[in-house]
């Protein structure tokens, strides 16, 4: 079946998605309601962005007591660090992006706060990093919920974490709500030897499932079919596949050949394939 080009602007300023569909040979515009697929990718992408932010913020400061820190260059926020008197942990970082918002180094406008709690060094087995969203949004998409990132390493040469999302919710500018939850298992496959440098880190999501409750009542399940590759230096996942299950949306999301871009494809079970871009 002919491939249809789909444009998902940065999860759209006015709705969740702006979808422009045209065939490869300039035939009349086709339509395709891929909003639920796009919402899932947007949710995953926002989780990855917030995880990157938490790693950067917590990696860049080690102050005890309570103080206001200069934010890392890539983060447009005021950082407050709190620890118990005389103790190093738990350490709480509050990244405040303000009520009017600010643009980060990816030119995305963030508002509200992220509260990041470390039970111990995130590189230590058993330590947990919890990310809470407080009246928080990215590009006018309101994001709620908690991300728990727990170190489950058993082999010193291959760091590993589980990522659990609870009470996740994305609300677009029209009020459409998409709930989400799930678990992923992640391994770090590059950058292990440079613990204080994040830009060379590469993570592989080897297994896991997350669910989306769409605004139209559709329930979708996304399962890792082929290992997902997430480079810290890339905004989006660059390789791997997710199996999609949810009635008419049964199919596969393919993130491509490891290029650091925003392009991915969705192929439904009938063979129709769509190229999409965040």
Protein backbone atom coordinates (compact mmCIF):
# COMPACT_ATOMS: atom_id res chain seq x y z
CA UNK A 1 0.00 0.00 0.00
CA UNK A 2 1.18 3.50 -0.82
CA UNK A 3 3.05 5.25 1.97
CA UNK A 4 1.37 8.37 3.32
CA UNK A 5 3.39 11.25 4.72
CA UNK A 6 2.12 12.51 8.08
CA UNK A 7 3.34 15.65 9.82
CA UNK A 8 2.94 15.83 13.58
CA UNK A 9 4.05 19.32 14.55
CA UNK A 10 5.54 19.49 18.01
CA UNK A 11 2.47 17.72 19.28
CA UNK A 12 0.67 20.78 17.97
CA UNK A 13 0.01 24.12 19.52
CA UNK A 14 -3.74 24.06 19.06
CA UNK A 15 -4.65 20.38 19.26
CA UNK A 16 -2.72 17.31 20.17
CA UNK A 17 -1.68 16.76 16.58
CA UNK A 18 -1.72 18.58 13.31
CA UNK A 19 -1.81 15.92 10.62
CA UNK A 20 -1.09 16.73 7.01
CA UNK A 21 -1.59 13.73 4.72
CA UNK A 22 -0.68 13.53 1.07
CA UNK A 23 0.12 10.67 -1.25
CA UNK A 24 3.46 10.23 -2.94
CA UNK A 25 2.17 11.29 -6.36
CA UNK A 26 0.17 14.40 -5.42
CA UNK A 27 -3.20 12.69 -5.49
CA UNK A 28 -5.97 14.36 -3.44
CA UNK A 29 -5.21 14.64 0.27
CA UNK A 30 -5.97 11.53 2.29
CA UNK A 31 -7.06 11.54 5.90
CA UNK A 32 -5.88 9.33 8.72
CA UNK A 33 -6.76 9.62 12.39
CA UNK A 34 -3.46 8.69 13.97
CA UNK A 35 -3.96 10.94 16.99
CA UNK A 36 -3.79 8.07 19.46
CA UNK A 37 -0.55 6.74 17.95
CA UNK A 38 0.95 10.23 17.99
CA UNK A 39 -0.17 10.74 21.58
CA UNK A 40 1.62 7.58 22.66
CA UNK A 41 4.86 8.64 21.00
CA UNK A 42 4.48 12.12 22.52
CA UNK A 43 4.00 10.62 25.99
CA UNK A 44 7.06 8.39 25.61
CA UNK A 45 9.09 11.34 24.31
CA UNK A 46 8.07 13.59 27.20
CA UNK A 47 8.99 10.86 29.69
CA UNK A 48 12.42 10.58 28.07
CA UNK A 49 12.85 14.38 28.11
CA UNK A 50 12.01 14.60 31.80
CA UNK A 51 14.31 11.70 32.59
CA UNK A 52 17.13 13.44 30.71
CA UNK A 53 16.44 16.62 32.66
CA UNK A 54 16.45 14.77 35.98
CA UNK A 55 19.74 13.04 35.18
CA UNK A 56 21.32 16.33 34.12
CA UNK A 57 20.08 18.27 37.15
CA UNK A 58 21.04 15.60 39.68
CA UNK A 59 24.39 14.94 37.99
CA UNK A 60 25.36 18.61 38.02
CA UNK A 61 24.92 19.39 41.71
CA UNK A 62 26.10 17.72 44.90
CA UNK A 63 25.39 20.39 47.48
CA UNK A 64 24.11 19.41 50.92
CA UNK A 65 21.76 21.54 52.94
CA UNK A 66 19.34 23.83 51.12
CA UNK A 67 20.51 26.16 48.41
CA UNK A 68 19.63 27.61 45.03
CA UNK A 69 21.93 26.39 42.28
CA UNK A 70 22.68 27.68 38.81
CA UNK A 71 20.88 25.37 36.41
CA UNK A 72 22.90 23.36 33.89
CA UNK A 73 23.17 25.23 30.59
CA UNK A 74 20.67 22.89 28.91
CA UNK A 75 17.99 23.48 31.58
CA UNK A 76 16.11 26.80 31.77
CA UNK A 77 15.06 26.49 35.40
CA UNK A 78 15.91 27.61 38.90
CA UNK A 79 17.27 24.63 40.84
CA UNK A 80 16.73 24.25 44.58
CA UNK A 81 18.48 21.40 46.41
CA UNK A 82 17.31 20.07 49.77
CA UNK A 83 18.89 17.33 51.93
CA UNK A 84 18.37 16.32 55.56
CA UNK A 85 20.64 18.11 58.02
CA UNK A 86 23.97 16.35 58.18
CA UNK A 87 22.98 13.79 55.55
CA UNK A 88 23.68 13.40 51.85
CA UNK A 89 20.44 11.55 51.01
CA UNK A 90 17.62 11.61 50.27
CA UNK A 91 18.40 14.56 48.04
CA UNK A 92 15.54 16.58 46.56
CA UNK A 93 15.96 18.80 43.50
CA UNK A 94 13.20 21.22 42.54
CA UNK A 95 13.51 22.44 38.95
CA UNK A 96 11.25 25.51 38.63
CA UNK A 97 10.58 26.60 35.04
CA UNK A 98 8.29 29.44 36.15
CA UNK A 99 4.62 30.17 35.56
CA UNK A 100 5.22 31.91 32.23
CA UNK A 101 7.72 29.32 31.08
CA UNK A 102 11.11 29.31 29.43
CA UNK A 103 12.68 27.70 26.37
CA UNK A 104 15.16 24.88 26.90
CA UNK A 105 18.07 24.03 24.61
CA UNK A 106 15.67 22.11 22.34
CA UNK A 107 13.54 25.26 21.90
CA UNK A 108 10.68 23.67 23.84
CA UNK A 109 8.75 25.85 26.27
CA UNK A 110 8.44 24.36 29.73
CA UNK A 111 6.30 25.65 32.58
CA UNK A 112 5.78 24.53 36.16
CA UNK A 113 8.06 22.34 38.23
CA UNK A 114 9.76 18.97 38.33
CA UNK A 115 10.54 17.55 41.76
CA UNK A 116 13.37 15.02 41.57
CA UNK A 117 14.12 12.87 44.62
CA UNK A 118 17.22 10.67 44.87
CA UNK A 119 17.29 7.99 47.55
CA UNK A 120 21.02 7.52 46.84
CA UNK A 121 23.48 7.81 43.94
CA UNK A 122 21.56 6.70 40.85
CA UNK A 123 24.60 4.63 39.82
CA UNK A 124 24.25 2.48 42.96
CA UNK A 125 22.17 -0.71 42.86
CA UNK A 126 18.91 -0.20 44.72
CA UNK A 127 18.89 3.59 44.46
CA UNK A 128 15.75 5.23 43.15
CA UNK A 129 15.12 8.52 41.36
CA UNK A 130 11.53 9.75 41.50
CA UNK A 131 10.32 12.48 39.15
CA UNK A 132 7.08 14.27 40.03
CA UNK A 133 5.37 16.78 37.74
CA UNK A 134 3.87 19.80 39.49
CA UNK A 135 1.55 21.97 37.37
CA UNK A 136 3.96 21.14 34.57
CA UNK A 137 3.74 21.43 30.79
CA UNK A 138 5.84 21.19 27.63
CA UNK A 139 4.68 23.33 24.71
CA UNK A 140 1.23 23.78 26.29
CA UNK A 141 0.77 20.05 26.78
CA UNK A 142 -0.05 19.52 30.45
CA UNK A 143 1.80 16.51 31.86
CA UNK A 144 1.03 14.74 35.12
CA UNK A 145 2.21 11.64 36.91
CA UNK A 146 5.29 10.14 38.50
CA UNK A 147 8.30 8.41 36.96
CA UNK A 148 10.27 6.02 39.18
CA UNK A 149 13.74 5.12 37.92
CA UNK A 150 15.30 2.33 39.98
CA UNK A 151 18.82 0.92 39.67
CA UNK A 152 18.59 -2.87 39.32
CA UNK A 153 22.18 -3.52 38.23
CA UNK A 154 23.54 -7.00 38.92
CA UNK A 155 26.50 -6.89 36.51
CA UNK A 156 29.00 -4.08 37.18
CA UNK A 157 29.79 -3.76 33.49
CA UNK A 158 26.17 -3.29 32.35
CA UNK A 159 24.20 -0.76 34.45
CA UNK A 160 20.46 -1.43 34.41
CA UNK A 161 17.34 0.38 35.59
CA UNK A 162 13.58 -0.10 35.61
CA UNK A 163 11.36 2.83 34.70
CA UNK A 164 7.83 2.84 36.08
CA UNK A 165 5.23 5.45 35.17
CA UNK A 166 2.19 5.83 37.42
CA UNK A 167 -0.84 8.12 37.17
CA UNK A 168 0.48 9.50 33.88
CA UNK A 169 -1.73 11.96 32.08
CA UNK A 170 -1.34 14.18 29.02
CA UNK A 171 -3.91 16.94 28.42
CA UNK A 172 -3.80 18.83 25.12
CA UNK A 173 -4.86 22.44 24.59
CA UNK A 174 -8.39 21.33 23.64
CA UNK A 175 -8.81 19.41 26.87
CA UNK A 176 -8.38 15.91 25.40
CA UNK A 177 -6.93 13.60 28.05
CA UNK A 178 -4.66 10.60 27.51
CA UNK A 179 -3.82 8.52 30.58
CA UNK A 180 -0.75 6.30 30.67
CA UNK A 181 1.17 3.85 32.83
CA UNK A 182 3.76 1.13 32.36
CA UNK A 183 7.20 -0.33 32.98
CA UNK A 184 10.40 -0.44 30.93
CA UNK A 185 13.73 -2.14 31.54
CA UNK A 186 16.73 -0.04 30.46
CA UNK A 187 20.43 -0.86 30.09
CA UNK A 188 23.27 1.61 29.56
CA UNK A 189 25.41 0.42 26.66
CA UNK A 190 27.75 3.41 26.22
CA UNK A 191 29.21 6.14 28.41
CA UNK A 192 29.66 3.91 31.45
CA UNK A 193 33.34 4.86 31.78
CA UNK A 194 32.53 8.60 31.93
CA UNK A 195 30.01 8.83 34.79
CA UNK A 196 30.14 12.63 35.04
CA UNK A 197 29.59 13.13 31.30
CA UNK A 198 26.08 12.40 30.06
CA UNK A 199 26.32 13.34 26.39
CA UNK A 200 28.01 10.06 25.39
CA UNK A 201 25.45 7.88 27.20
CA UNK A 202 23.40 5.41 25.17
CA UNK A 203 20.50 3.49 26.69
CA UNK A 204 18.70 0.41 25.38
CA UNK A 205 15.12 -0.30 26.44
CA UNK A 206 15.11 -4.08 26.15
CA UNK A 207 11.63 -4.95 27.38
CA UNK A 208 8.46 -3.47 28.79
CA UNK A 209 4.87 -2.46 28.15
CA UNK A 210 2.89 0.71 28.58
CA UNK A 211 -0.80 1.43 28.17
CA UNK A 212 -2.61 4.48 26.88
CA UNK A 213 -6.18 5.40 27.70
CA UNK A 214 -7.14 7.65 24.78
CA UNK A 215 -9.54 10.56 24.83
CA UNK A 216 -11.96 8.68 22.54
CA UNK A 217 -12.17 5.72 24.93
CA UNK A 218 -9.69 3.56 23.04
CA UNK A 219 -7.23 1.53 25.14
CA UNK A 220 -3.87 0.89 23.50
CA UNK A 221 -1.03 -1.36 24.63
CA UNK A 222 2.55 -0.78 23.45
CA UNK A 223 5.11 -3.55 23.94
CA UNK A 224 8.80 -3.49 23.09
CA UNK A 225 9.17 -5.74 20.05
CA UNK A 226 12.76 -4.84 19.18
CA UNK A 227 15.13 -3.11 21.59
CA UNK A 228 14.66 0.67 21.63
CA UNK A 229 17.82 2.78 21.44
CA UNK A 230 17.81 6.16 23.21
CA UNK A 231 20.94 8.30 22.97
CA UNK A 232 21.17 10.96 25.65
CA UNK A 233 22.26 13.42 22.95
CA UNK A 234 19.11 12.73 20.88
CA UNK A 235 15.73 14.16 21.77
CA UNK A 236 13.85 11.04 20.61
CA UNK A 237 14.33 7.28 20.45
CA UNK A 238 16.40 6.57 17.34
CA UNK A 239 15.96 2.84 16.75
CA UNK A 240 13.73 -0.09 17.67
CA UNK A 241 10.11 -1.17 17.39
CA UNK A 242 6.96 -1.11 19.51
CA UNK A 243 4.11 -3.52 18.96
CA UNK A 244 0.74 -1.72 19.08
CA UNK A 245 -2.42 -3.52 20.18
CA UNK A 246 -5.77 -1.79 20.27
CA UNK A 247 -8.40 -2.79 17.75
CA UNK A 248 -8.06 -0.84 14.53
CA UNK A 249 -4.68 0.45 15.71
CA UNK A 250 -2.98 -2.96 15.76
CA UNK A 251 0.43 -2.57 14.15
CA UNK A 252 4.06 -1.59 14.71
CA UNK A 253 5.89 1.67 15.42
CA UNK A 254 9.40 1.66 13.93
CA UNK A 255 11.84 4.34 15.11
CA UNK A 256 14.24 3.85 12.21
CA UNK A 257 17.93 3.17 11.68
CA UNK A 258 19.48 4.95 14.67
CA UNK A 259 19.51 8.42 13.10
CA UNK A 260 19.19 11.26 15.59
CA UNK A 261 15.95 12.67 14.18
CA UNK A 262 12.23 12.90 14.93
CA UNK A 263 11.03 10.57 12.16
CA UNK A 264 9.32 7.22 12.75
CA UNK A 265 6.87 5.00 10.89
CA UNK A 266 3.63 3.33 11.89
CA UNK A 267 2.45 0.28 9.95
CA UNK A 268 -0.98 -1.15 10.70
CA UNK A 269 -1.85 -4.85 10.51
CA UNK A 270 -3.31 -4.39 7.03
CA UNK A 271 0.03 -3.20 5.69
CA UNK A 272 -0.69 0.52 5.41
CA UNK A 273 2.49 2.39 6.37
CA UNK A 274 2.74 6.01 7.49
CA UNK A 275 5.86 8.12 7.93
CA UNK A 276 5.48 10.51 10.86
CA UNK A 277 7.53 13.22 12.50
CA UNK A 278 7.22 14.74 15.94
